[in-house]
Amino acid sequence: MRTEKSEEISAVENMTKQEMAKIIETAKREAESSEKNTNSICDVMKNNTSEIIQKIESKFPTYTELYTELYTKYLHTIDDLYSTCYLSEKEFFDKLGMDKTTIQAFEAYWKSITKMFLPQIDMSANFAKMYVQFRLATIDSYDEVAHIMIDSYVRSWNQFNSYNKN
């Protein structure tokens, strides 16, 4: 893990109550000063929601990097385990004096297992890709429907306001 990311996480974890209270107080003051510029409830909701979403989006690269590092470390640990076992088992199996035919049959068996497993990894990756594409398409469809509904809502409000003026 990169040191600046771990330092950022450690800074939050090691924060004292006084430091946290100071941050909250600063946020309150900022909120009070922004109240003067607020035009409506909708402005408040939109601005704060947008700020939260932007903060979440800014953390995606960090999450991606951290989980990539975690998964890579996990895979390397498993590879190291098998490498370590290889050294001790090689000596044991070499002393057994297995014949070449048995070793070749065992190798053929493991090659067939490997050949079966590798396409499954590709299928899993393709499934994940299709799943994400499906979810993105679903979100796009929802977004279109939401815009249609919002347009209808705005037209209804406009009609209501025009009747209200009379």
N, C-alpha and C. Protein backbone atom coordinates (compact mmCIF):
# COMPACT_ATOMS: atom_id res chain seq x y z
N MET A 1 0.86 -1.17 0.00
CA MET A 1 0.00 0.00 0.00
C MET A 1 0.90 1.23 0.00
N ARG A 2 0.51 2.22 -0.75
CA ARG A 2 1.30 3.45 -0.79
C ARG A 2 1.24 4.12 0.57
N THR A 3 2.33 4.73 0.96
CA THR A 3 2.42 5.31 2.30
C THR A 3 1.47 6.47 2.50
N GLU A 4 1.25 7.30 1.46
CA GLU A 4 0.36 8.44 1.66
C GLU A 4 -1.07 8.00 1.91
N LYS A 5 -1.48 6.90 1.29
CA LYS A 5 -2.84 6.40 1.51
C LYS A 5 -2.96 5.84 2.93
N SER A 6 -1.96 5.09 3.35
CA SER A 6 -2.01 4.54 4.70
C SER A 6 -1.91 5.65 5.74
N GLU A 7 -1.15 6.71 5.43
CA GLU A 7 -1.08 7.84 6.36
C GLU A 7 -2.42 8.56 6.44
N GLU A 8 -3.11 8.67 5.28
CA GLU A 8 -4.43 9.33 5.27
C GLU A 8 -5.41 8.53 6.13
N ILE A 9 -5.40 7.20 5.98
CA ILE A 9 -6.28 6.35 6.77
C ILE A 9 -5.90 6.42 8.24
N SER A 10 -4.60 6.37 8.55
CA SER A 10 -4.14 6.44 9.93
C SER A 10 -4.51 7.76 10.58
N ALA A 11 -4.46 8.84 9.80
CA ALA A 11 -4.80 10.15 10.35
C ALA A 11 -6.23 10.17 10.86
N VAL A 12 -7.13 9.57 10.13
CA VAL A 12 -8.54 9.53 10.56
C VAL A 12 -8.70 8.60 11.75
N GLU A 13 -8.05 7.44 11.70
CA GLU A 13 -8.17 6.48 12.79
C GLU A 13 -7.60 7.02 14.10
N ASN A 14 -6.52 7.80 14.02
CA ASN A 14 -5.84 8.28 15.21
C ASN A 14 -6.32 9.66 15.66
N MET A 15 -7.37 10.15 15.04
CA MET A 15 -7.88 11.49 15.36
C MET A 15 -8.49 11.49 16.76
N THR A 16 -8.15 12.52 17.54
CA THR A 16 -8.70 12.64 18.88
C THR A 16 -10.11 13.22 18.81
N LYS A 17 -10.82 13.12 19.92
CA LYS A 17 -12.17 13.68 19.98
C LYS A 17 -12.14 15.18 19.80
N GLN A 18 -11.13 15.83 20.34
CA GLN A 18 -11.02 17.28 20.22
C GLN A 18 -10.81 17.69 18.76
N GLU A 19 -9.95 16.95 18.05
CA GLU A 19 -9.72 17.26 16.64
C GLU A 19 -11.00 17.05 15.83
N MET A 20 -11.71 15.96 16.13
CA MET A 20 -12.97 15.69 15.42
C MET A 20 -13.98 16.79 15.73
N ALA A 21 -14.07 17.24 16.99
CA ALA A 21 -14.98 18.31 17.38
C ALA A 21 -14.63 19.60 16.65
N LYS A 22 -13.35 19.86 16.49
CA LYS A 22 -12.91 21.07 15.78
C LYS A 22 -13.34 21.02 14.31
N ILE A 23 -13.21 19.87 13.69
CA ILE A 23 -13.63 19.70 12.29
C ILE A 23 -15.13 19.90 12.16
N ILE A 24 -15.88 19.35 13.11
CA ILE A 24 -17.34 19.50 13.08
C ILE A 24 -17.73 20.96 13.28
N GLU A 25 -17.06 21.64 14.18
CA GLU A 25 -17.34 23.06 14.42
C GLU A 25 -17.04 23.89 13.17
N THR A 26 -15.94 23.59 12.50
CA THR A 26 -15.60 24.29 11.26
C THR A 26 -16.67 24.06 10.20
N ALA A 27 -17.14 22.83 10.11
CA ALA A 27 -18.20 22.50 9.14
C ALA A 27 -19.48 23.26 9.46
N LYS A 28 -19.79 23.38 10.76
CA LYS A 28 -20.99 24.14 11.16
C LYS A 28 -20.87 25.60 10.76
N ARG A 29 -19.68 26.18 11.01
CA ARG A 29 -19.47 27.58 10.64
C ARG A 29 -19.60 27.78 9.13
N GLU A 30 -19.04 26.86 8.38
CA GLU A 30 -19.15 26.95 6.92
C GLU A 30 -20.61 26.84 6.48
N ALA A 31 -21.34 25.95 7.14
CA ALA A 31 -22.75 25.78 6.81
C ALA A 31 -23.54 27.04 7.13
N GLU A 32 -23.22 27.66 8.27
CA GLU A 32 -23.90 28.90 8.65
C GLU A 32 -23.60 30.02 7.66
N SER A 33 -22.36 30.10 7.19
CA SER A 33 -22.02 31.16 6.23
C SER A 33 -22.66 30.88 4.88
N SER A 34 -22.84 29.63 4.53
CA SER A 34 -23.48 29.32 3.25
C SER A 34 -24.99 29.50 3.32
N GLU A 35 -25.56 29.53 4.54
CA GLU A 35 -27.00 29.75 4.69
C GLU A 35 -27.41 31.09 4.12
N LYS A 36 -26.53 32.06 4.19
CA LYS A 36 -26.83 33.38 3.69
C LYS A 36 -26.99 33.38 2.17
N ASN A 37 -26.31 32.45 1.50
CA ASN A 37 -26.36 32.36 0.04
C ASN A 37 -27.43 31.39 -0.45
N THR A 38 -28.14 30.74 0.43
CA THR A 38 -29.10 29.72 0.06
C THR A 38 -30.40 30.36 -0.40
N ASN A 39 -30.86 29.89 -1.55
CA ASN A 39 -32.10 30.42 -2.11
C ASN A 39 -33.32 29.59 -1.75
N SER A 40 -33.14 28.27 -1.67
CA SER A 40 -34.29 27.41 -1.41
C SER A 40 -33.84 26.09 -0.79
N ILE A 41 -34.83 25.32 -0.38
CA ILE A 41 -34.57 23.98 0.16
C ILE A 41 -33.94 23.11 -0.92
N CYS A 42 -34.41 23.27 -2.15
CA CYS A 42 -33.86 22.49 -3.27
C CYS A 42 -32.38 22.78 -3.47
N ASP A 43 -31.98 24.06 -3.30
CA ASP A 43 -30.56 24.41 -3.41
C ASP A 43 -29.74 23.68 -2.35
N VAL A 44 -30.25 23.68 -1.14
CA VAL A 44 -29.55 23.01 -0.03
C VAL A 44 -29.38 21.53 -0.34
N MET A 45 -30.47 20.89 -0.73
CA MET A 45 -30.42 19.44 -0.99
C MET A 45 -29.50 19.12 -2.17
N LYS A 46 -29.62 19.87 -3.25
CA LYS A 46 -28.81 19.61 -4.43
C LYS A 46 -27.33 19.83 -4.15
N ASN A 47 -27.01 20.97 -3.53
CA ASN A 47 -25.61 21.30 -3.27
C ASN A 47 -24.94 20.28 -2.35
N ASN A 48 -25.62 19.92 -1.28
CA ASN A 48 -25.03 18.97 -0.34
C ASN A 48 -24.95 17.57 -0.92
N THR A 49 -25.98 17.17 -1.65
CA THR A 49 -25.94 15.86 -2.30
C THR A 49 -24.80 15.80 -3.30
N SER A 50 -24.65 16.84 -4.09
CA SER A 50 -23.57 16.88 -5.08
C SER A 50 -22.20 16.81 -4.40
N GLU A 51 -22.06 17.51 -3.29
CA GLU A 51 -20.78 17.49 -2.57
C GLU A 51 -20.46 16.08 -2.06
N ILE A 52 -21.46 15.40 -1.52
CA ILE A 52 -21.25 14.03 -1.03
C ILE A 52 -20.88 13.10 -2.18
N ILE A 53 -21.60 13.20 -3.29
CA ILE A 53 -21.34 12.32 -4.43
C ILE A 53 -19.93 12.58 -4.98
N GLN A 54 -19.53 13.83 -5.08
CA GLN A 54 -18.19 14.15 -5.57
C GLN A 54 -17.12 13.59 -4.65
N LYS A 55 -17.37 13.63 -3.35
CA LYS A 55 -16.40 13.08 -2.39
C LYS A 55 -16.28 11.56 -2.57
N ILE A 56 -17.43 10.90 -2.72
CA ILE A 56 -17.41 9.45 -2.93
C ILE A 56 -16.66 9.12 -4.22
N GLU A 57 -16.97 9.85 -5.30
CA GLU A 57 -16.29 9.62 -6.57
C GLU A 57 -14.78 9.83 -6.45
N SER A 58 -14.37 10.80 -5.66
CA SER A 58 -12.94 11.06 -5.52
C SER A 58 -12.21 9.92 -4.83
N LYS A 59 -12.93 9.08 -4.10
CA LYS A 59 -12.31 7.97 -3.37
C LYS A 59 -12.26 6.67 -4.18
N PHE A 60 -12.94 6.61 -5.33
CA PHE A 60 -12.93 5.39 -6.13
C PHE A 60 -11.53 4.92 -6.49
N PRO A 61 -10.65 5.80 -6.98
CA PRO A 61 -9.30 5.32 -7.29
C PRO A 61 -8.59 4.72 -6.07
N THR A 62 -8.81 5.31 -4.91
CA THR A 62 -8.18 4.79 -3.69
C THR A 62 -8.70 3.39 -3.38
N TYR A 63 -10.03 3.22 -3.41
CA TYR A 63 -10.61 1.90 -3.15
C TYR A 63 -10.11 0.87 -4.16
N THR A 64 -10.09 1.26 -5.42
CA THR A 64 -9.65 0.34 -6.47
C THR A 64 -8.20 -0.08 -6.24
N GLU A 65 -7.36 0.90 -5.95
CA GLU A 65 -5.96 0.59 -5.72
C GLU A 65 -5.77 -0.30 -4.49
N LEU A 66 -6.46 0.02 -3.41
CA LEU A 66 -6.31 -0.76 -2.18
C LEU A 66 -6.75 -2.21 -2.37
N TYR A 67 -7.91 -2.41 -3.02
CA TYR A 67 -8.38 -3.77 -3.23
C TYR A 67 -7.53 -4.52 -4.24
N THR A 68 -6.99 -3.82 -5.22
CA THR A 68 -6.07 -4.46 -6.16
C THR A 68 -4.82 -4.92 -5.44
N GLU A 69 -4.28 -4.07 -4.59
CA GLU A 69 -3.09 -4.45 -3.82
C GLU A 69 -3.38 -5.62 -2.89
N LEU A 70 -4.55 -5.60 -2.27
CA LEU A 70 -4.94 -6.68 -1.36
C LEU A 70 -5.05 -8.01 -2.11
N TYR A 71 -5.74 -8.00 -3.24
CA TYR A 71 -5.94 -9.23 -4.02
C TYR A 71 -4.61 -9.72 -4.59
N THR A 72 -3.77 -8.81 -5.06
CA THR A 72 -2.46 -9.19 -5.59
C THR A 72 -1.62 -9.83 -4.49
N LYS A 73 -1.64 -9.25 -3.30
CA LYS A 73 -0.89 -9.81 -2.18
C LYS A 73 -1.40 -11.21 -1.83
N TYR A 74 -2.71 -11.36 -1.85
CA TYR A 74 -3.33 -12.66 -1.58
C TYR A 74 -2.85 -13.71 -2.58
N LEU A 75 -2.88 -13.37 -3.86
CA LEU A 75 -2.45 -14.32 -4.89
C LEU A 75 -0.96 -14.65 -4.78
N HIS A 76 -0.14 -13.64 -4.48
CA HIS A 76 1.30 -13.89 -4.32
C HIS A 76 1.58 -14.75 -3.10
N THR A 77 0.79 -14.58 -2.05
CA THR A 77 0.97 -15.41 -0.85
C THR A 77 0.67 -16.87 -1.17
N ILE A 78 -0.39 -17.10 -1.92
CA ILE A 78 -0.72 -18.48 -2.31
C ILE A 78 0.39 -19.06 -3.18
N ASP A 79 0.89 -18.26 -4.13
CA ASP A 79 1.97 -18.72 -5.00
C ASP A 79 3.22 -19.04 -4.18
N ASP A 80 3.54 -18.19 -3.20
CA ASP A 80 4.69 -18.44 -2.32
C ASP A 80 4.50 -19.72 -1.51
N LEU A 81 3.28 -19.95 -1.05
CA LEU A 81 2.99 -21.16 -0.28
C LEU A 81 3.29 -22.41 -1.11
N TYR A 82 2.81 -22.40 -2.35
CA TYR A 82 3.07 -23.56 -3.21
C TYR A 82 4.54 -23.67 -3.56
N SER A 83 5.23 -22.55 -3.72
CA SER A 83 6.67 -22.61 -3.99
C SER A 83 7.43 -23.19 -2.81
N THR A 84 7.04 -22.81 -1.61
CA THR A 84 7.69 -23.34 -0.40
C THR A 84 7.42 -24.83 -0.25
N CYS A 85 6.16 -25.21 -0.47
CA CYS A 85 5.82 -26.63 -0.39
C CYS A 85 6.57 -27.43 -1.44
N TYR A 86 6.77 -26.83 -2.60
CA TYR A 86 7.46 -27.51 -3.69
C TYR A 86 8.84 -27.97 -3.25
N LEU A 87 9.55 -27.08 -2.57
CA LEU A 87 10.92 -27.42 -2.16
C LEU A 87 10.96 -28.61 -1.21
N SER A 88 10.07 -28.61 -0.22
CA SER A 88 10.10 -29.71 0.75
C SER A 88 9.50 -30.98 0.16
N GLU A 89 8.47 -30.86 -0.65
CA GLU A 89 7.84 -32.04 -1.23
C GLU A 89 8.71 -32.67 -2.31
N LYS A 90 9.46 -31.86 -3.04
CA LYS A 90 10.32 -32.39 -4.11
C LYS A 90 11.30 -33.39 -3.52
N GLU A 91 11.90 -33.03 -2.42
CA GLU A 91 12.86 -33.93 -1.78
C GLU A 91 12.16 -35.24 -1.37
N PHE A 92 10.95 -35.13 -0.79
CA PHE A 92 10.21 -36.30 -0.35
C PHE A 92 9.86 -37.21 -1.53
N PHE A 93 9.27 -36.63 -2.59
CA PHE A 93 8.83 -37.44 -3.73
C PHE A 93 10.00 -37.96 -4.55
N ASP A 94 11.11 -37.21 -4.57
CA ASP A 94 12.29 -37.72 -5.28
C ASP A 94 12.82 -38.98 -4.60
N LYS A 95 12.71 -39.06 -3.27
CA LYS A 95 13.18 -40.24 -2.55
C LYS A 95 12.28 -41.44 -2.77
N LEU A 96 11.01 -41.21 -3.15
CA LEU A 96 10.09 -42.32 -3.40
C LEU A 96 10.46 -43.09 -4.66
N GLY A 97 11.11 -42.40 -5.58
CA GLY A 97 11.54 -43.06 -6.80
C GLY A 97 10.38 -43.45 -7.71
N MET A 98 9.46 -42.55 -7.94
CA MET A 98 8.33 -42.84 -8.83
C MET A 98 8.83 -42.99 -10.25
N ASP A 99 8.15 -43.89 -10.98
CA ASP A 99 8.55 -44.10 -12.36
C ASP A 99 8.00 -42.98 -13.26
N LYS A 100 8.58 -42.87 -14.45
CA LYS A 100 8.23 -41.79 -15.39
C LYS A 100 6.77 -41.86 -15.83
N THR A 101 6.24 -43.05 -15.99
CA THR A 101 4.86 -43.20 -16.45
C THR A 101 3.88 -42.61 -15.45
N THR A 102 4.10 -42.85 -14.18
CA THR A 102 3.23 -42.29 -13.14
C THR A 102 3.31 -40.78 -13.12
N ILE A 103 4.52 -40.25 -13.23
CA ILE A 103 4.71 -38.79 -13.24
C ILE A 103 4.04 -38.19 -14.47
N GLN A 104 4.16 -38.83 -15.62
CA GLN A 104 3.54 -38.33 -16.84
C GLN A 104 2.01 -38.36 -16.73
N ALA A 105 1.46 -39.40 -16.14
CA ALA A 105 0.00 -39.49 -15.94
C ALA A 105 -0.47 -38.40 -14.98
N PHE A 106 0.30 -38.19 -13.93
CA PHE A 106 -0.05 -37.14 -12.97
C PHE A 106 0.01 -35.76 -13.63
N GLU A 107 1.03 -35.54 -14.45
CA GLU A 107 1.16 -34.28 -15.18
C GLU A 107 -0.01 -34.09 -16.16
N ALA A 108 -0.40 -35.13 -16.86
CA ALA A 108 -1.52 -35.05 -17.80
C ALA A 108 -2.81 -34.71 -17.06
N TYR A 109 -2.98 -35.31 -15.89
CA TYR A 109 -4.17 -35.03 -15.08
C TYR A 109 -4.22 -33.55 -14.70
N TRP A 110 -3.10 -33.02 -14.18
CA TRP A 110 -3.08 -31.61 -13.75
C TRP A 110 -3.17 -30.65 -14.93
N LYS A 111 -2.63 -31.03 -16.08
CA LYS A 111 -2.79 -30.18 -17.27
C LYS A 111 -4.26 -30.11 -17.67
N SER A 112 -4.98 -31.24 -17.57
CA SER A 112 -6.41 -31.22 -17.92
C SER A 112 -7.19 -30.36 -16.94
N ILE A 113 -6.84 -30.42 -15.66
CA ILE A 113 -7.49 -29.57 -14.66
C ILE A 113 -7.20 -28.09 -14.98
N THR A 114 -5.96 -27.78 -15.29
CA THR A 114 -5.57 -26.41 -15.61
C THR A 114 -6.30 -25.92 -16.86
N LYS A 115 -6.35 -26.75 -17.90
CA LYS A 115 -7.05 -26.37 -19.14
C LYS A 115 -8.54 -26.16 -18.90
N MET A 116 -9.10 -26.86 -17.94
CA MET A 116 -10.51 -26.67 -17.62
C MET A 116 -10.69 -25.38 -16.80
N PHE A 117 -9.75 -25.06 -15.96
CA PHE A 117 -9.88 -23.93 -15.05
C PHE A 117 -9.65 -22.58 -15.74
N LEU A 118 -8.67 -22.51 -16.64
CA LEU A 118 -8.33 -21.24 -17.29
C LEU A 118 -9.51 -20.63 -18.06
N PRO A 119 -10.26 -21.39 -18.86
CA PRO A 119 -11.43 -20.79 -19.53
C PRO A 119 -12.51 -20.34 -18.53
N GLN A 120 -12.60 -21.02 -17.39
CA GLN A 120 -13.57 -20.59 -16.39
C GLN A 120 -13.22 -19.22 -15.82
N ILE A 121 -11.93 -18.93 -15.71
CA ILE A 121 -11.51 -17.61 -15.25
C ILE A 121 -11.94 -16.57 -16.28
N ASP A 122 -11.72 -16.89 -17.58
CA ASP A 122 -12.15 -15.97 -18.64
C ASP A 122 -13.67 -15.79 -18.64
N MET A 123 -14.40 -16.89 -18.46
CA MET A 123 -15.87 -16.80 -18.42
C MET A 123 -16.32 -15.94 -17.23
N SER A 124 -15.66 -16.09 -16.11
CA SER A 124 -16.00 -15.30 -14.93
C SER A 124 -15.77 -13.82 -15.18
N ALA A 125 -14.65 -13.50 -15.82
CA ALA A 125 -14.35 -12.09 -16.14
C ALA A 125 -15.37 -11.55 -17.13
N ASN A 126 -15.73 -12.36 -18.15
CA ASN A 126 -16.74 -11.93 -19.13
C ASN A 126 -18.10 -11.74 -18.47
N PHE A 127 -18.44 -12.63 -17.54
CA PHE A 127 -19.71 -12.50 -16.82
C PHE A 127 -19.73 -11.21 -16.02
N ALA A 128 -18.63 -10.91 -15.34
CA ALA A 128 -18.56 -9.67 -14.56
C ALA A 128 -18.70 -8.46 -15.48
N LYS A 129 -18.06 -8.52 -16.65
CA LYS A 129 -18.15 -7.42 -17.61
C LYS A 129 -19.60 -7.25 -18.09
N MET A 130 -20.26 -8.35 -18.44
CA MET A 130 -21.65 -8.28 -18.90
C MET A 130 -22.57 -7.80 -17.77
N TYR A 131 -22.31 -8.25 -16.56
CA TYR A 131 -23.12 -7.85 -15.42
C TYR A 131 -23.04 -6.33 -15.20
N VAL A 132 -21.82 -5.81 -15.26
CA VAL A 132 -21.64 -4.37 -15.08
C VAL A 132 -22.29 -3.61 -16.23
N GLN A 133 -22.14 -4.11 -17.46
CA GLN A 133 -22.78 -3.46 -18.61
C GLN A 133 -24.30 -3.47 -18.45
N PHE A 134 -24.86 -4.57 -17.96
CA PHE A 134 -26.30 -4.65 -17.73
C PHE A 134 -26.73 -3.63 -16.69
N ARG A 135 -25.98 -3.55 -15.60
CA ARG A 135 -26.33 -2.58 -14.55
C ARG A 135 -26.21 -1.15 -15.04
N LEU A 136 -25.20 -0.87 -15.85
CA LEU A 136 -25.05 0.47 -16.42
C LEU A 136 -26.24 0.80 -17.33
N ALA A 137 -26.65 -0.17 -18.15
CA ALA A 137 -27.80 0.04 -19.03
C ALA A 137 -29.07 0.25 -18.21
N THR A 138 -29.21 -0.48 -17.12
CA THR A 138 -30.36 -0.32 -16.24
C THR A 138 -30.37 1.08 -15.63
N ILE A 139 -29.22 1.54 -15.20
CA ILE A 139 -29.14 2.88 -14.62
C ILE A 139 -29.46 3.93 -15.68
N ASP A 140 -28.95 3.74 -16.91
CA ASP A 140 -29.27 4.67 -17.99
C ASP A 140 -30.77 4.71 -18.25
N SER A 141 -31.41 3.53 -18.27
CA SER A 141 -32.87 3.48 -18.47
C SER A 141 -33.60 4.18 -17.34
N TYR A 142 -33.17 3.94 -16.13
CA TYR A 142 -33.77 4.61 -14.97
C TYR A 142 -33.61 6.11 -15.08
N ASP A 143 -32.42 6.54 -15.50
CA ASP A 143 -32.15 7.96 -15.65
C ASP A 143 -33.09 8.59 -16.68
N GLU A 144 -33.30 7.89 -17.81
CA GLU A 144 -34.23 8.41 -18.82
C GLU A 144 -35.64 8.52 -18.26
N VAL A 145 -36.10 7.47 -17.57
CA VAL A 145 -37.44 7.49 -16.98
C VAL A 145 -37.55 8.61 -15.94
N ALA A 146 -36.51 8.76 -15.13
CA ALA A 146 -36.53 9.81 -14.11
C ALA A 146 -36.63 11.19 -14.76
N HIS A 147 -35.91 11.40 -15.85
CA HIS A 147 -36.00 12.70 -16.54
C HIS A 147 -37.40 12.93 -17.12
N ILE A 148 -38.00 11.88 -17.65
CA ILE A 148 -39.37 12.00 -18.17
C ILE A 148 -40.32 12.35 -17.03
N MET A 149 -40.15 11.68 -15.90
CA MET A 149 -41.01 11.95 -14.74
C MET A 149 -40.79 13.37 -14.21
N ILE A 150 -39.54 13.81 -14.19
CA ILE A 150 -39.25 15.16 -13.71
C ILE A 150 -39.86 16.20 -14.65
N ASP A 151 -39.76 15.94 -15.96
CA ASP A 151 -40.39 16.86 -16.92
C ASP A 151 -41.90 16.94 -16.69
N SER A 152 -42.52 15.79 -16.47
CA SER A 152 -43.96 15.77 -16.17
C SER A 152 -44.26 16.53 -14.89
N TYR A 153 -43.45 16.31 -13.90
CA TYR A 153 -43.60 16.97 -12.61
C TYR A 153 -43.51 18.49 -12.77
N VAL A 154 -42.52 18.94 -13.55
CA VAL A 154 -42.35 20.38 -13.77
C VAL A 154 -43.56 20.96 -14.51
N ARG A 155 -44.04 20.23 -15.53
CA ARG A 155 -45.22 20.70 -16.26
C ARG A 155 -46.43 20.79 -15.34
N SER A 156 -46.58 19.80 -14.47
CA SER A 156 -47.70 19.82 -13.51
C SER A 156 -47.60 21.02 -12.57
N TRP A 157 -46.40 21.29 -12.07
CA TRP A 157 -46.21 22.44 -11.20
C TRP A 157 -46.50 23.74 -11.94
N ASN A 158 -46.07 23.81 -13.19
CA ASN A 158 -46.34 25.02 -13.97
C ASN A 158 -47.84 25.22 -14.16
N GLN A 159 -48.56 24.13 -14.43
CA GLN A 159 -50.01 24.24 -14.57
C GLN A 159 -50.64 24.66 -13.24
N PHE A 160 -50.18 24.05 -12.17
CA PHE A 160 -50.70 24.39 -10.84
C PHE A 160 -50.45 25.87 -10.55
N ASN A 161 -49.24 26.33 -10.84
CA ASN A 161 -48.91 27.74 -10.60
C ASN A 161 -49.73 28.67 -11.47
N SER A 162 -50.02 28.27 -12.71
CA SER A 162 -50.82 29.14 -13.58
C SER A 162 -52.26 29.20 -13.09
N TYR A 163 -52.81 28.11 -12.57
CA TYR A 163 -54.16 28.12 -11.99
C TYR A 163 -54.16 28.93 -10.68
N ASN A 164 -53.08 28.83 -9.96
CA ASN A 164 -52.96 29.51 -8.68
C ASN A 164 -52.91 31.02 -8.84
N LYS A 165 -52.35 31.51 -9.96
CA LYS A 165 -52.26 32.94 -10.22
C LYS A 165 -53.63 33.54 -10.50
N ASN A 166 -54.53 32.75 -11.06
CA ASN A 166 -55.88 33.25 -11.42
C ASN A 166 -56.71 33.40 -10.24
